Amino acid sequence: MGLKRLGHMKNGIQKYENASFRRGYGYLVDIRGVPVKSGFEHKADAEAWRDEIKRKKRLGELANPKLADATVGERGEQWLENALLRAKESTRRKYRQLWERQVAPTWADVRVSRVLNSNVQTWVTALSKQYGGGTVRDALSILRRILETAVKDRAIPWNPCEGISLPKVEVQKERRYLTMPELLTLSEAADRRRNKYGTLVLTMGTTGMRFGEIRALRVKNIDFRECRIRVCENAVPDTGGVNVDTPKNGETRIVPFPKRLLLDRLKAKCSGKGEDDLVFERPGALNDGAALTSDDYMRDPDPNSGWLVYAARDAGLERLTSHDLRHTAVSLAISSGANIKVVQRIAGHKSAMMTLDRYADLFPVDLGDLAERLDDMAFGGTSSNDTVTTFGK
């Protein structure tokens, strides 16, 4: 039953019948675009509320209650569709799994207007008891970004995911950097394995390619004359097979390989193969020129009992992973005096700053040496170390 209004509305304020008030009427506020608010016994209270609403409306802080009725699930599906439109398949799969496993079970049926900061904190705390810090942070990031769309649409006045206390992210294990002699010894040990992985070890350890990029490398992408590799695909294990997409940052890059060390080895790996064949196929794969299937792609070396574990043992090295070979390539490039842009290209990073941040420990700064060199430049002297300073030296 509607309110029985009395008289004329003036500046958004109007009387209406209300038997519960002493005088038998009260005041309501009726502003365009905002649901009618009644229940004011005194006109001054109605005017104060009206003025506050107008202020919020002017500043864009006012929520639209109709939009606030939407559930997190409804907004979540819309956000996933829009946010992942141009994302790689592996990224879409990651976000979809986070949504379905960590976010949706708790929030899908909750109206966005009912999501409270305290409830988000309780949810994050509960997740922290089941999952690692990285997973929890990613799950909260998804919920935050979903609710941010509600804030932008004025469905809610602020994002209840702000100010949430997060668990500490696990400390990353120390990176392994092999020296060139160690890399060569590892390659020799890998060649003693049944399927002879020595060339793969040297390729990863000198080009910086990710294992998925090595797995997807085709014969046609090796330039034997210039000793260059065109890195344009990345093959990642997926449910039921292998997903082949662009490299991690979405960009093709060219990386060099050492001629004396790898040219003959890579030629031997490609001998008798067609241009579209894999350079490092799964042992036993036919490589018969037919369209590639998931069975043709090499598997990740088992971290506990794979060939790399035993090759490292035979080489007298501590256990390492295939990603340690990528770190090794970056380390060797820096120690050889390569400039930061070259190192960035080898690593396949979006920017040189990312490379510097990721491998800061490989760029030592000797303040005393720097000051001595500046003195030498100013006064024409020579320091005890008279070589040109370059990254990694």
Protein backbone atom coordinates (compact mmCIF):
# COMPACT_ATOMS: atom_id res chain seq x y z
CA MET A 1 0.00 0.00 0.00
CA GLY A 2 1.42 3.37 -1.02
CA LEU A 3 1.99 6.37 1.14
CA LYS A 4 -0.78 8.97 1.28
CA ARG A 5 0.94 12.20 0.50
CA LEU A 6 -0.29 15.52 1.81
CA GLY A 7 -0.02 18.89 0.07
CA HIS A 8 2.69 19.71 -2.44
CA MET A 9 6.29 18.58 -2.53
CA LYS A 10 8.86 21.34 -2.12
CA ASN A 11 12.58 20.84 -2.71
CA GLY A 12 12.19 17.08 -2.46
CA ILE A 13 10.34 17.23 0.89
CA GLN A 14 6.66 16.31 1.29
CA LYS A 15 4.27 15.54 4.10
CA TYR A 16 2.55 12.18 4.27
CA GLU A 17 0.10 10.52 6.66
CA ASN A 18 1.68 8.56 9.50
CA ALA A 19 -0.52 7.79 12.49
CA SER A 20 2.49 6.70 14.58
CA PHE A 21 3.76 10.26 14.77
CA ARG A 22 2.37 12.65 17.38
CA ARG A 23 0.94 15.04 14.81
CA GLY A 24 -0.41 12.28 12.54
CA TYR A 25 1.96 13.03 9.72
CA GLY A 26 5.63 12.92 8.92
CA TYR A 27 7.98 13.87 6.13
CA LEU A 28 9.41 11.96 3.21
CA VAL A 29 12.24 12.71 0.81
CA ASP A 30 11.70 12.15 -2.89
CA ILE A 31 14.77 12.83 -5.06
CA ARG A 32 14.97 11.78 -8.67
CA GLY A 33 16.94 8.60 -9.14
CA VAL A 34 16.80 7.67 -5.46
CA PRO A 35 14.14 5.48 -3.79
CA VAL A 36 11.69 7.43 -1.64
CA LYS A 37 12.80 7.68 1.97
CA SER A 38 10.08 8.17 4.57
CA GLY A 39 9.93 7.92 8.34
CA PHE A 40 11.00 11.44 9.32
CA GLU A 41 8.90 12.93 12.09
CA HIS A 42 10.59 16.31 11.89
CA LYS A 43 11.13 18.33 8.74
CA ALA A 44 14.66 19.27 9.79
CA ASP A 45 15.66 15.58 9.86
CA ALA A 46 14.22 15.06 6.38
CA GLU A 47 16.09 18.09 5.07
CA ALA A 48 19.38 16.90 6.62
CA TRP A 49 19.02 13.48 5.00
CA ARG A 50 18.08 15.09 1.66
CA ASP A 51 21.12 17.34 1.74
CA GLU A 52 23.45 14.41 2.50
CA ILE A 53 22.01 12.36 -0.36
CA LYS A 54 22.42 15.28 -2.74
CA ARG A 55 26.02 15.68 -1.62
CA LYS A 56 26.77 12.01 -2.24
CA LYS A 57 25.00 12.14 -5.57
CA ARG A 58 27.04 15.17 -6.59
CA LEU A 59 30.30 13.44 -5.62
CA GLY A 60 29.33 10.20 -7.28
CA GLU A 61 29.23 8.31 -3.98
CA LEU A 62 25.60 7.30 -4.16
CA ALA A 63 24.80 3.66 -4.79
CA ASN A 64 21.97 2.49 -7.03
CA PRO A 65 19.88 0.09 -4.93
CA LYS A 66 18.46 -1.66 -8.00
CA LEU A 67 21.94 -2.64 -9.15
CA ALA A 68 22.85 -3.60 -5.59
CA ASP A 69 20.35 -6.48 -5.77
CA ALA A 70 22.57 -8.34 -8.24
CA THR A 71 24.50 -11.27 -6.76
CA VAL A 72 28.26 -11.66 -6.74
CA GLY A 73 27.72 -14.71 -8.95
CA GLU A 74 25.90 -12.69 -11.60
CA ARG A 75 28.57 -10.01 -11.60
CA GLY A 76 31.30 -12.63 -11.40
CA GLU A 77 30.26 -14.42 -14.58
CA GLN A 78 30.02 -11.10 -16.37
CA TRP A 79 33.44 -10.04 -15.12
CA LEU A 80 35.05 -13.34 -16.13
CA GLU A 81 33.64 -13.04 -19.63
CA ASN A 82 34.82 -9.45 -20.09
CA ALA A 83 38.13 -9.56 -18.24
CA LEU A 84 39.35 -12.73 -19.93
CA LEU A 85 38.23 -11.87 -23.43
CA ARG A 86 41.79 -11.50 -24.72
CA ALA A 87 43.55 -13.61 -22.12
CA LYS A 88 45.52 -16.72 -22.98
CA GLU A 89 43.85 -20.07 -22.46
CA SER A 90 46.09 -20.88 -19.49
CA THR A 91 45.13 -17.57 -17.83
CA ARG A 92 41.42 -18.14 -18.46
CA ARG A 93 41.70 -21.59 -16.97
CA LYS A 94 43.49 -20.28 -13.88
CA TYR A 95 40.92 -17.57 -13.19
CA ARG A 96 38.01 -19.89 -13.87
CA GLN A 97 39.36 -22.45 -11.43
CA LEU A 98 39.95 -19.82 -8.74
CA TRP A 99 36.42 -18.53 -9.21
CA GLU A 100 34.81 -21.97 -9.10
CA ARG A 101 36.89 -23.43 -6.28
CA GLN A 102 37.68 -20.56 -3.92
CA VAL A 103 35.33 -17.64 -4.61
CA ALA A 104 31.96 -18.84 -5.89
CA PRO A 105 31.18 -21.41 -3.14
CA THR A 106 31.08 -18.60 -0.56
CA TRP A 107 29.97 -15.57 -2.54
CA ALA A 108 28.04 -16.58 -5.67
CA ASP A 109 24.57 -16.28 -4.07
CA VAL A 110 25.31 -13.18 -1.96
CA ARG A 111 23.98 -9.82 -3.09
CA VAL A 112 26.77 -7.33 -3.70
CA SER A 113 25.14 -4.96 -1.22
CA ARG A 114 25.38 -7.65 1.46
CA VAL A 115 29.12 -8.24 1.18
CA LEU A 116 30.66 -6.87 4.34
CA ASN A 117 34.30 -6.12 5.00
CA SER A 118 34.25 -8.25 8.15
CA ASN A 119 32.82 -11.22 6.23
CA VAL A 120 35.49 -10.91 3.55
CA GLN A 121 38.16 -10.96 6.26
CA THR A 122 36.61 -14.08 7.80
CA TRP A 123 36.59 -15.76 4.38
CA VAL A 124 40.24 -14.86 3.72
CA THR A 125 41.25 -16.20 7.14
CA ALA A 126 39.43 -19.48 6.45
CA LEU A 127 41.06 -19.83 3.02
CA SER A 128 44.47 -19.26 4.58
CA LYS A 129 44.04 -22.45 6.60
CA GLN A 130 43.51 -24.49 3.44
CA TYR A 131 45.62 -22.86 0.75
CA GLY A 132 48.94 -21.12 0.28
CA GLY A 133 49.32 -17.38 0.48
CA GLY A 134 49.54 -16.95 -3.29
CA THR A 135 46.24 -18.73 -3.89
CA VAL A 136 44.50 -16.72 -1.20
CA ARG A 137 45.77 -13.45 -2.65
CA ASP A 138 44.64 -14.45 -6.14
CA ALA A 139 41.17 -15.42 -4.87
CA LEU A 140 40.78 -12.12 -3.03
CA SER A 141 41.97 -10.28 -6.12
CA ILE A 142 39.17 -11.84 -8.16
CA LEU A 143 36.51 -10.90 -5.60
CA ARG A 144 37.94 -7.38 -5.34
CA ARG A 145 37.90 -6.87 -9.08
CA ILE A 146 34.34 -8.18 -9.37
CA LEU A 147 33.13 -5.82 -6.67
CA GLU A 148 35.10 -2.97 -8.21
CA THR A 149 32.78 -3.20 -11.21
CA ALA A 150 29.87 -2.79 -8.78
CA VAL A 151 31.51 0.32 -7.32
CA LYS A 152 32.02 1.80 -10.79
CA ASP A 153 28.36 1.10 -11.63
CA ARG A 154 27.31 2.79 -8.36
CA ALA A 155 25.77 -0.45 -7.15
CA ILE A 156 27.75 -0.12 -3.91
CA PRO A 157 29.48 2.97 -2.52
CA TRP A 158 32.84 1.33 -1.77
CA ASN A 159 34.70 -1.94 -2.17
CA PRO A 160 34.45 -4.15 0.94
CA CYS A 161 37.64 -5.97 -0.11
CA GLU A 162 39.77 -2.97 0.78
CA GLY A 163 41.88 -3.12 3.92
CA ILE A 164 41.86 -6.91 4.21
CA SER A 165 44.75 -8.51 6.11
CA LEU A 166 46.43 -11.11 3.93
CA PRO A 167 48.62 -14.08 4.79
CA LYS A 168 52.30 -13.93 4.02
CA VAL A 169 53.29 -15.34 0.67
CA GLU A 170 55.61 -18.32 0.94
CA VAL A 171 59.26 -17.36 0.71
CA GLN A 172 60.57 -18.37 -2.70
CA LYS A 173 63.33 -20.90 -2.64
CA GLU A 174 66.73 -19.55 -3.51
CA ARG A 175 67.42 -19.56 -7.23
CA ARG A 176 70.03 -21.94 -8.58
CA TYR A 177 72.59 -20.58 -11.00
CA LEU A 178 74.97 -23.05 -12.58
CA THR A 179 78.40 -22.02 -13.79
CA MET A 180 79.35 -22.88 -17.36
CA PRO A 181 81.53 -25.82 -16.23
CA GLU A 182 78.62 -27.13 -14.15
CA LEU A 183 76.22 -26.75 -17.08
CA LEU A 184 78.59 -28.67 -19.35
CA THR A 185 78.98 -31.43 -16.77
CA LEU A 186 75.19 -31.63 -16.38
CA SER A 187 74.81 -31.86 -20.15
CA GLU A 188 77.27 -34.75 -20.30
CA ALA A 189 75.38 -36.55 -17.53
CA ALA A 190 72.06 -35.92 -19.30
CA ASP A 191 73.47 -37.41 -22.50
CA ARG A 192 74.20 -40.57 -20.57
CA ARG A 193 70.49 -40.96 -19.86
CA ARG A 194 68.66 -43.32 -22.18
CA ASN A 195 67.05 -40.54 -24.24
CA LYS A 196 70.12 -38.25 -24.30
CA TYR A 197 68.88 -34.91 -22.98
CA GLY A 198 72.22 -33.11 -23.19
CA THR A 199 71.26 -30.84 -26.09
CA LEU A 200 68.06 -29.82 -24.31
CA VAL A 201 70.04 -28.95 -21.17
CA LEU A 202 72.47 -26.77 -23.11
CA THR A 203 69.69 -25.07 -25.07
CA MET A 204 67.77 -24.15 -21.93
CA GLY A 205 70.92 -23.24 -20.05
CA THR A 206 72.13 -20.79 -22.70
CA THR A 207 68.98 -19.36 -24.34
CA GLY A 208 66.78 -18.79 -21.28
CA MET A 209 63.78 -20.43 -22.93
CA ARG A 210 61.05 -21.70 -20.65
CA PHE A 211 60.41 -25.43 -20.66
CA GLY A 212 57.05 -24.91 -22.38
CA GLU A 213 58.81 -22.92 -25.10
CA ILE A 214 61.41 -25.65 -25.55
CA ARG A 215 58.62 -28.21 -25.70
CA ALA A 216 56.86 -26.25 -28.49
CA LEU A 217 60.03 -25.45 -30.50
CA ARG A 218 59.73 -26.46 -34.14
CA VAL A 219 62.49 -27.03 -36.69
CA LYS A 220 61.41 -24.05 -38.80
CA ASN A 221 62.01 -21.67 -35.90
CA ILE A 222 65.76 -22.29 -35.75
CA ASP A 223 67.95 -20.09 -37.94
CA PHE A 224 71.11 -22.14 -38.30
CA ARG A 225 72.92 -19.48 -40.34
CA GLU A 226 72.47 -16.69 -37.78
CA CYS A 227 72.36 -19.01 -34.73
CA ARG A 228 69.03 -17.62 -33.60
CA ILE A 229 65.85 -19.19 -32.28
CA ARG A 230 62.43 -17.65 -32.87
CA VAL A 231 60.40 -18.21 -29.69
CA CYS A 232 56.77 -17.94 -30.77
CA GLU A 233 54.93 -20.79 -29.04
CA ASN A 234 54.53 -22.17 -25.53
CA ALA A 235 53.12 -25.63 -24.86
CA VAL A 236 51.52 -26.12 -21.44
CA PRO A 237 50.06 -29.37 -20.10
CA ASP A 238 46.28 -29.11 -19.85
CA THR A 239 43.49 -31.37 -18.72
CA GLY A 240 43.44 -34.13 -21.29
CA GLY A 241 46.37 -32.89 -23.33
CA VAL A 242 48.64 -29.97 -24.15
CA ASN A 243 47.57 -26.40 -24.82
CA VAL A 244 49.76 -24.56 -27.34
CA ASP A 245 49.62 -20.77 -27.21
CA THR A 246 51.88 -17.73 -27.49
CA PRO A 247 54.77 -17.27 -25.04
CA LYS A 248 53.99 -16.11 -21.52
CA ASN A 249 53.97 -12.37 -22.23
CA GLY A 250 52.16 -12.85 -25.54
CA GLU A 251 55.09 -11.71 -27.66
CA THR A 252 57.42 -13.50 -30.04
CA ARG A 253 61.13 -12.97 -29.39
CA ILE A 254 64.44 -13.91 -30.97
CA VAL A 255 67.16 -15.42 -28.79
CA PRO A 256 70.74 -16.34 -29.76
CA PHE A 257 72.45 -19.64 -29.13
CA PRO A 258 76.24 -20.23 -28.95
CA LYS A 259 77.50 -21.49 -32.30
CA ARG A 260 80.37 -23.72 -31.22
CA LEU A 261 78.40 -25.18 -28.36
CA LEU A 262 75.04 -25.85 -29.99
CA LEU A 263 75.00 -25.49 -33.78
CA ASP A 264 76.06 -29.05 -34.61
CA ARG A 265 73.98 -30.46 -31.77
CA LEU A 266 70.78 -28.71 -32.91
CA LYS A 267 71.41 -29.68 -36.54
CA ALA A 268 71.67 -33.29 -35.43
CA LYS A 269 68.37 -33.00 -33.48
CA CYS A 270 66.65 -31.63 -36.58
CA SER A 271 68.18 -34.05 -39.08
CA GLY A 272 65.53 -35.88 -41.10
CA LYS A 273 62.65 -33.84 -39.70
CA GLY A 274 60.18 -31.60 -41.47
CA GLU A 275 59.91 -27.86 -40.81
CA ASP A 276 56.82 -28.25 -38.63
CA ASP A 277 58.23 -31.13 -36.58
CA LEU A 278 59.22 -30.66 -32.95
CA VAL A 279 62.90 -30.31 -32.15
CA PHE A 280 62.52 -31.94 -28.73
CA GLU A 281 59.69 -34.41 -29.11
CA ARG A 282 58.50 -36.91 -26.54
CA PRO A 283 60.66 -40.04 -26.59
CA GLY A 284 58.93 -42.54 -28.84
CA ALA A 285 56.91 -39.94 -30.76
CA LEU A 286 56.67 -40.71 -34.48
CA ASN A 287 57.42 -37.22 -35.84
CA ASP A 288 56.13 -38.52 -39.17
CA GLY A 289 54.99 -35.20 -40.59
CA ALA A 290 51.39 -35.66 -39.55
CA ALA A 291 49.56 -33.03 -37.48
CA LEU A 292 50.92 -32.80 -33.96
CA THR A 293 48.97 -34.31 -31.09
CA SER A 294 49.43 -34.03 -27.33
CA ASP A 295 51.29 -37.35 -27.41
CA ASP A 296 54.05 -35.77 -29.49
CA TYR A 297 54.98 -33.18 -26.87
CA MET A 298 57.63 -33.84 -24.26
CA ARG A 299 56.48 -34.22 -20.66
CA ASP A 300 57.79 -32.16 -17.75
CA PRO A 301 60.66 -33.95 -16.00
CA ASP A 302 59.38 -35.47 -12.77
CA PRO A 303 60.74 -33.33 -9.89
CA ASN A 304 61.32 -36.41 -7.75
CA SER A 305 62.32 -39.18 -10.11
CA GLY A 306 62.76 -37.67 -13.57
CA TRP A 307 65.78 -37.69 -15.82
CA LEU A 308 66.93 -34.26 -14.60
CA VAL A 309 67.08 -35.46 -11.01
CA TYR A 310 69.39 -38.33 -11.93
CA ALA A 311 71.46 -36.27 -14.34
CA ALA A 312 72.11 -33.72 -11.59
CA ARG A 313 73.05 -36.51 -9.20
CA ASP A 314 75.44 -38.04 -11.72
CA ALA A 315 76.98 -34.61 -12.32
CA GLY A 316 77.61 -34.16 -8.60
CA LEU A 317 75.10 -31.31 -8.35
CA GLU A 318 72.27 -30.65 -5.95
CA ARG A 319 68.79 -31.43 -7.20
CA LEU A 320 67.50 -28.76 -9.59
CA THR A 321 64.51 -28.02 -11.80
CA SER A 322 64.19 -27.18 -15.47
CA HIS A 323 63.47 -23.58 -14.46
CA ASP A 324 66.88 -23.45 -12.79
CA LEU A 325 68.35 -23.88 -16.27
CA ARG A 326 66.48 -20.76 -17.38
CA HIS A 327 67.90 -18.88 -14.38
CA THR A 328 71.32 -20.19 -15.36
CA ALA A 329 71.00 -18.74 -18.87
CA VAL A 330 70.19 -15.31 -17.44
CA SER A 331 73.09 -15.57 -15.00
CA LEU A 332 75.57 -16.56 -17.72
CA ALA A 333 74.38 -13.73 -19.97
CA ILE A 334 74.87 -11.17 -17.20
CA SER A 335 78.26 -12.52 -16.19
CA SER A 336 79.38 -12.40 -19.83
CA GLY A 337 78.70 -8.65 -19.86
CA ALA A 338 75.42 -8.59 -21.83
CA ASN A 339 73.53 -5.33 -21.47
CA ILE A 340 70.21 -5.34 -19.69
CA LYS A 341 68.11 -5.11 -22.88
CA VAL A 342 69.73 -8.26 -24.23
CA VAL A 343 69.11 -10.03 -20.92
CA GLN A 344 65.50 -8.86 -21.02
CA ARG A 345 65.06 -10.39 -24.45
CA ILE A 346 66.58 -13.68 -23.37
CA ALA A 347 64.32 -13.81 -20.34
CA GLY A 348 61.23 -12.83 -22.33
CA HIS A 349 60.21 -10.13 -19.85
CA LYS A 350 57.90 -7.24 -20.67
CA SER A 351 60.43 -4.66 -19.52
CA ALA A 352 64.04 -4.30 -18.46
CA MET A 353 62.78 -3.14 -15.06
CA MET A 354 61.10 -6.51 -14.58
CA THR A 355 64.39 -8.23 -15.37
CA LEU A 356 66.26 -6.02 -12.90
CA ASP A 357 63.67 -6.67 -10.19
CA ARG A 358 63.63 -10.42 -10.81
CA TYR A 359 67.39 -10.85 -10.94
CA ALA A 360 68.55 -8.03 -8.66
CA ASP A 361 70.90 -10.43 -6.89
CA LEU A 362 72.89 -10.82 -10.12
CA PHE A 363 73.59 -7.09 -10.41
CA PRO A 364 75.87 -6.38 -7.43
CA VAL A 365 76.79 -2.78 -6.79
CA ASP A 366 80.23 -2.23 -5.32
CA LEU A 367 80.01 1.31 -3.98
CA GLY A 368 83.71 1.52 -3.24
CA ASP A 369 84.60 0.38 -6.74
CA LEU A 370 82.17 2.92 -8.22
CA ALA A 371 83.71 5.80 -6.26
CA GLU A 372 87.22 4.72 -7.31
CA ARG A 373 86.21 4.64 -10.96
CA LEU A 374 84.70 8.13 -10.75
CA ASP A 375 87.98 9.37 -9.31
CA ASP A 376 89.84 7.75 -12.20
CA MET A 377 87.54 9.40 -14.72
CA ALA A 378 88.05 12.82 -13.10
CA PHE A 379 91.82 12.68 -12.66
CA GLY A 380 92.91 10.36 -15.45
CA GLY A 381 94.16 7.60 -13.20
CA THR A 382 93.62 3.88 -13.43
CA SER A 383 92.24 1.72 -10.71
CA SER A 384 93.46 -1.68 -9.81
CA ASN A 385 90.53 -3.05 -11.79
CA ASP A 386 90.82 -1.22 -15.10
CA THR A 387 88.21 -3.06 -17.11
CA VAL A 388 85.04 -1.31 -18.22
CA THR A 389 82.21 -1.74 -15.76
CA THR A 390 79.26 -3.60 -17.23
CA PHE A 391 76.24 -5.31 -15.81
CA GLY A 392 77.22 -8.40 -13.94
CA LYS A 393 80.90 -7.46 -13.65
